[in-house]
Amino acid sequence: MPKSPFPLLSKAINKVAVLLLLVAGFAGAIQAQTAEELHITRRSSFETPGGLRDPLAPIGWQKAGDVIVDGNGPVVRTVESYIVPAAFVISSISLDRIPLAIINGKPYGEGDMMPFNAGGEKIQLQVGAIRDGAVTLLYKAHQVICPIRTAKLKPVSPER
């Protein structure tokens, strides 16, 4: 092949020619598909049959508002239904300059976040208020007032 008197120009012409061929090929491919051809006619979906566990969810996990079937029929259990005063043991309350309460064996102050397991779902409760004889716990718009529990002493029988 004879040498070109303009080597840089011949390389540029070759590159431009390849570029034009590629653009022409893509332009033909783009024009071949119209909006009607790209219309989606069928979408895939997955729904679990009623009462069965979602196979993609972790084992033992229940979302809030799950339906639990027992002998009396279906019962809807929400996270709020697990937050009851009986679930918390308030053993002592200190009303000093900084109010503190011992809840389930751990000290908490007003505004502290407390972890709680509500039916397998881990949530955070906030200690709303610590008052004389009771503690208010908050979860979203739900509030629970938990009274202090004292140890019940056995009656002492008189010695004879």
C-alpha atoms as a PDB file:
ATOM      1  CA  MET A   1       0.000   0.000   0.000  1.00  0.00           C
ATOM      2  CA  PRO A   2       1.488   3.339  -1.026  1.00  0.00           C
ATOM      3  CA  LYS A   3       2.122   5.905   1.632  1.00  0.00           C
ATOM      4  CA  SER A   4      -0.303   8.765   1.772  1.00  0.00           C
ATOM      5  CA  PRO A   5       1.085  12.263   1.563  1.00  0.00           C
ATOM      6  CA  PHE A   6      -1.225  13.208   4.448  1.00  0.00           C
ATOM      7  CA  PRO A   7      -1.006  10.384   7.046  1.00  0.00           C
ATOM      8  CA  LEU A   8      -2.915  12.220   9.771  1.00  0.00           C
ATOM      9  CA  LEU A   9      -5.736  13.089   7.378  1.00  0.00           C
ATOM     10  CA  SER A  10      -6.105   9.491   6.181  1.00  0.00           C
ATOM     11  CA  LYS A  11      -6.388   8.232   9.791  1.00  0.00           C
ATOM     12  CA  ALA A  12      -8.994  10.879  10.573  1.00  0.00           C
ATOM     13  CA  ILE A  13     -11.005   9.963   7.440  1.00  0.00           C
ATOM     14  CA  ASN A  14     -10.976   6.280   8.463  1.00  0.00           C
ATOM     15  CA  LYS A  15     -12.222   7.147  11.953  1.00  0.00           C
ATOM     16  CA  VAL A  16     -14.960   9.409  10.606  1.00  0.00           C
ATOM     17  CA  ALA A  17     -16.089   6.694   8.176  1.00  0.00           C
ATOM     18  CA  VAL A  18     -16.364   4.107  10.976  1.00  0.00           C
ATOM     19  CA  LEU A  19     -18.215   6.591  13.135  1.00  0.00           C
ATOM     20  CA  LEU A  20     -20.719   7.351  10.352  1.00  0.00           C
ATOM     21  CA  LEU A  21     -21.353   3.632   9.808  1.00  0.00           C
ATOM     22  CA  LEU A  22     -22.013   3.108  13.527  1.00  0.00           C
ATOM     23  CA  VAL A  23     -24.367   6.093  13.749  1.00  0.00           C
ATOM     24  CA  ALA A  24     -26.278   4.927  10.670  1.00  0.00           C
ATOM     25  CA  GLY A  25     -26.626   1.437  12.162  1.00  0.00           C
ATOM     26  CA  PHE A  26     -27.922   2.730  15.506  1.00  0.00           C
ATOM     27  CA  ALA A  27     -30.286   5.162  13.816  1.00  0.00           C
ATOM     28  CA  GLY A  28     -31.870   2.298  11.871  1.00  0.00           C
ATOM     29  CA  ALA A  29     -32.214   0.210  15.028  1.00  0.00           C
ATOM     30  CA  ILE A  30     -33.802   3.049  16.982  1.00  0.00           C
ATOM     31  CA  GLN A  31     -36.294   3.898  14.253  1.00  0.00           C
ATOM     32  CA  ALA A  32     -37.361   0.258  13.927  1.00  0.00           C
ATOM     33  CA  GLN A  33     -39.062   0.245  17.357  1.00  0.00           C
ATOM     34  CA  THR A  34     -42.090   2.429  17.929  1.00  0.00           C
ATOM     35  CA  ALA A  35     -43.989   3.211  21.121  1.00  0.00           C
ATOM     36  CA  GLU A  36     -46.642   0.582  20.294  1.00  0.00           C
ATOM     37  CA  GLU A  37     -44.011  -2.111  19.979  1.00  0.00           C
ATOM     38  CA  LEU A  38     -42.546  -1.212  23.385  1.00  0.00           C
ATOM     39  CA  HIS A  39     -45.934  -1.286  25.152  1.00  0.00           C
ATOM     40  CA  ILE A  40     -45.878  -3.709  28.093  1.00  0.00           C
ATOM     41  CA  THR A  41     -48.802  -6.089  27.818  1.00  0.00           C
ATOM     42  CA  ARG A  42     -48.162  -8.295  30.838  1.00  0.00           C
ATOM     43  CA  ARG A  43     -46.402  -7.625  34.133  1.00  0.00           C
ATOM     44  CA  SER A  44     -45.149 -10.302  36.472  1.00  0.00           C
ATOM     45  CA  SER A  45     -46.413 -10.315  40.060  1.00  0.00           C
ATOM     46  CA  PHE A  46     -46.364 -12.515  43.135  1.00  0.00           C
ATOM     47  CA  GLU A  47     -48.966 -12.828  45.869  1.00  0.00           C
ATOM     48  CA  THR A  48     -48.928 -15.319  48.694  1.00  0.00           C
ATOM     49  CA  PRO A  49     -52.128 -17.275  49.227  1.00  0.00           C
ATOM     50  CA  GLY A  50     -54.030 -16.262  52.372  1.00  0.00           C
ATOM     51  CA  GLY A  51     -52.585 -17.570  55.633  1.00  0.00           C
ATOM     52  CA  LEU A  52     -49.206 -18.605  54.176  1.00  0.00           C
ATOM     53  CA  ARG A  53     -45.824 -17.086  54.919  1.00  0.00           C
ATOM     54  CA  ASP A  54     -44.064 -15.012  52.262  1.00  0.00           C
ATOM     55  CA  PRO A  55     -41.130 -17.203  51.104  1.00  0.00           C
ATOM     56  CA  LEU A  56     -38.894 -14.137  50.712  1.00  0.00           C
ATOM     57  CA  ALA A  57     -39.409 -12.930  54.312  1.00  0.00           C
ATOM     58  CA  PRO A  58     -37.042 -14.043  57.117  1.00  0.00           C
ATOM     59  CA  ILE A  59     -38.142 -17.102  59.065  1.00  0.00           C
ATOM     60  CA  GLY A  60     -40.292 -16.185  62.083  1.00  0.00           C
ATOM     61  CA  TRP A  61     -40.862 -12.594  60.917  1.00  0.00           C
ATOM     62  CA  GLN A  62     -44.386 -11.216  61.032  1.00  0.00           C
ATOM     63  CA  LYS A  63     -45.256  -7.814  59.681  1.00  0.00           C
ATOM     64  CA  ALA A  64     -47.424  -5.468  61.710  1.00  0.00           C
ATOM     65  CA  GLY A  65     -51.093  -6.282  61.259  1.00  0.00           C
ATOM     66  CA  ASP A  66     -50.546  -9.958  60.414  1.00  0.00           C
ATOM     67  CA  VAL A  67     -53.500 -12.260  60.801  1.00  0.00           C
ATOM     68  CA  ILE A  68     -52.951 -15.034  63.326  1.00  0.00           C
ATOM     69  CA  VAL A  69     -55.356 -17.952  63.114  1.00  0.00           C
ATOM     70  CA  ASP A  70     -56.247 -19.684  66.367  1.00  0.00           C
ATOM     71  CA  GLY A  71     -59.107 -21.933  67.483  1.00  0.00           C
ATOM     72  CA  ASN A  72     -61.577 -19.037  67.730  1.00  0.00           C
ATOM     73  CA  GLY A  73     -60.880 -17.683  64.226  1.00  0.00           C
ATOM     74  CA  PRO A  74     -58.521 -15.078  62.823  1.00  0.00           C
ATOM     75  CA  VAL A  75     -57.172 -12.453  65.199  1.00  0.00           C
ATOM     76  CA  VAL A  76     -55.369  -9.353  63.949  1.00  0.00           C
ATOM     77  CA  ARG A  77     -52.288  -8.580  66.046  1.00  0.00           C
ATOM     78  CA  THR A  78     -50.625  -5.226  65.619  1.00  0.00           C
ATOM     79  CA  VAL A  79     -47.455  -3.956  67.235  1.00  0.00           C
ATOM     80  CA  GLU A  80     -49.528  -1.740  69.522  1.00  0.00           C
ATOM     81  CA  SER A  81     -51.410  -4.774  70.873  1.00  0.00           C
ATOM     82  CA  TYR A  82     -48.157  -6.050  72.415  1.00  0.00           C
ATOM     83  CA  ILE A  83     -47.448  -2.777  74.246  1.00  0.00           C
ATOM     84  CA  VAL A  84     -49.428  -3.306  77.440  1.00  0.00           C
ATOM     85  CA  PRO A  85     -48.587  -2.299  81.035  1.00  0.00           C
ATOM     86  CA  ALA A  86     -48.183  -5.957  82.030  1.00  0.00           C
ATOM     87  CA  ALA A  87     -45.196  -6.260  79.649  1.00  0.00           C
ATOM     88  CA  PHE A  88     -43.142  -3.802  81.723  1.00  0.00           C
ATOM     89  CA  VAL A  89     -41.889  -4.118  85.280  1.00  0.00           C
ATOM     90  CA  ILE A  90     -41.336  -0.722  86.889  1.00  0.00           C
ATOM     91  CA  SER A  91     -39.398  -1.644  90.019  1.00  0.00           C
ATOM     92  CA  SER A  92     -38.420   1.824  91.264  1.00  0.00           C
ATOM     93  CA  ILE A  93     -38.791   5.512  90.476  1.00  0.00           C
ATOM     94  CA  SER A  94     -36.485   8.345  91.526  1.00  0.00           C
ATOM     95  CA  LEU A  95     -37.904  11.873  91.301  1.00  0.00           C
ATOM     96  CA  ASP A  96     -34.698  13.800  91.955  1.00  0.00           C
ATOM     97  CA  ARG A  97     -33.447  16.638  89.800  1.00  0.00           C
ATOM     98  CA  ILE A  98     -33.229  14.127  86.889  1.00  0.00           C
ATOM     99  CA  PRO A  99     -36.146  11.652  87.120  1.00  0.00           C
ATOM    100  CA  LEU A 100     -35.133   8.036  86.593  1.00  0.00           C
ATOM    101  CA  ALA A 101     -37.049   4.765  86.515  1.00  0.00           C
ATOM    102  CA  ILE A 102     -35.927   1.156  86.561  1.00  0.00           C
ATOM    103  CA  ILE A 103     -37.873  -0.492  83.714  1.00  0.00           C
ATOM    104  CA  ASN A 104     -37.374  -4.224  83.172  1.00  0.00           C
ATOM    105  CA  GLY A 105     -34.178  -4.050  85.246  1.00  0.00           C
ATOM    106  CA  LYS A 106     -32.515  -1.142  83.388  1.00  0.00           C
ATOM    107  CA  PRO A 107     -32.416   2.569  84.298  1.00  0.00           C
ATOM    108  CA  TYR A 108     -34.070   5.056  81.928  1.00  0.00           C
ATOM    109  CA  GLY A 109     -34.639   8.808  82.081  1.00  0.00           C
ATOM    110  CA  GLU A 110     -37.304  10.920  80.420  1.00  0.00           C
ATOM    111  CA  GLY A 111     -36.804  10.983  76.648  1.00  0.00           C
ATOM    112  CA  ASP A 112     -34.632   7.849  76.555  1.00  0.00           C
ATOM    113  CA  MET A 113     -35.292   5.216  73.895  1.00  0.00           C
ATOM    114  CA  MET A 114     -35.966   1.699  75.148  1.00  0.00           C
ATOM    115  CA  PRO A 115     -35.750  -1.408  72.923  1.00  0.00           C
ATOM    116  CA  PHE A 116     -38.793  -3.691  73.015  1.00  0.00           C
ATOM    117  CA  ASN A 117     -39.706  -6.919  71.239  1.00  0.00           C
ATOM    118  CA  ALA A 118     -43.334  -6.676  70.084  1.00  0.00           C
ATOM    119  CA  GLY A 119     -44.331 -10.062  68.741  1.00  0.00           C
ATOM    120  CA  GLY A 120     -41.007 -10.739  67.044  1.00  0.00           C
ATOM    121  CA  GLU A 121     -40.590  -7.191  65.740  1.00  0.00           C
ATOM    122  CA  LYS A 122     -37.958  -5.058  67.456  1.00  0.00           C
ATOM    123  CA  ILE A 123     -39.188  -1.511  68.077  1.00  0.00           C
ATOM    124  CA  GLN A 124     -38.022   1.496  70.081  1.00  0.00           C
ATOM    125  CA  LEU A 125     -40.241   2.919  72.820  1.00  0.00           C
ATOM    126  CA  GLN A 126     -39.648   6.372  74.255  1.00  0.00           C
ATOM    127  CA  VAL A 127     -39.913   7.075  77.964  1.00  0.00           C
ATOM    128  CA  GLY A 128     -42.333   9.999  77.884  1.00  0.00           C
ATOM    129  CA  ALA A 129     -42.814  10.956  81.514  1.00  0.00           C
ATOM    130  CA  ILE A 130     -41.733   9.664  84.899  1.00  0.00           C
ATOM    131  CA  ARG A 131     -44.186  10.583  87.638  1.00  0.00           C
ATOM    132  CA  ASP A 132     -44.809   9.475  91.192  1.00  0.00           C
ATOM    133  CA  GLY A 133     -46.006   5.874  90.918  1.00  0.00           C
ATOM    134  CA  ALA A 134     -46.170   5.561  87.103  1.00  0.00           C
ATOM    135  CA  VAL A 135     -44.149   5.826  83.880  1.00  0.00           C
ATOM    136  CA  THR A 136     -45.584   6.821  80.490  1.00  0.00           C
ATOM    137  CA  LEU A 137     -44.151   4.990  77.465  1.00  0.00           C
ATOM    138  CA  LEU A 138     -44.691   6.273  73.916  1.00  0.00           C
ATOM    139  CA  TYR A 139     -44.712   4.517  70.534  1.00  0.00           C
ATOM    140  CA  LYS A 140     -45.822   6.660  67.582  1.00  0.00           C
ATOM    141  CA  ALA A 141     -49.287   7.932  68.637  1.00  0.00           C
ATOM    142  CA  HIS A 142     -49.774   5.088  71.161  1.00  0.00           C
ATOM    143  CA  GLN A 143     -49.116   5.758  74.849  1.00  0.00           C
ATOM    144  CA  VAL A 144     -49.086   3.336  77.774  1.00  0.00           C
ATOM    145  CA  ILE A 145     -49.101   4.292  81.443  1.00  0.00           C
ATOM    146  CA  CYS A 146     -47.296   1.642  83.479  1.00  0.00           C
ATOM    147  CA  PRO A 147     -47.764   1.715  87.268  1.00  0.00           C
ATOM    148  CA  ILE A 148     -44.950   0.815  89.616  1.00  0.00           C
ATOM    149  CA  ARG A 149     -45.050  -2.782  90.772  1.00  0.00           C
ATOM    150  CA  THR A 150     -44.074  -3.550  94.301  1.00  0.00           C
ATOM    151  CA  ALA A 151     -43.137  -6.978  95.480  1.00  0.00           C
ATOM    152  CA  LYS A 152     -46.042  -8.642  97.156  1.00  0.00           C
ATOM    153  CA  LEU A 153     -45.049  -9.691 100.610  1.00  0.00           C
ATOM    154  CA  LYS A 154     -46.420 -12.825 102.151  1.00  0.00           C
ATOM    155  CA  PRO A 155     -48.457 -12.188 105.278  1.00  0.00           C
ATOM    156  CA  VAL A 156     -46.531 -12.971 108.405  1.00  0.00           C
ATOM    157  CA  SER A 157     -48.234 -15.441 110.665  1.00  0.00           C
ATOM    158  CA  PRO A 158     -48.048 -14.608 114.351  1.00  0.00           C
ATOM    159  CA  GLU A 159     -45.698 -16.852 116.259  1.00  0.00           C
ATOM    160  CA  ARG A 160     -47.288 -18.912 118.938  1.00  0.00           C
END
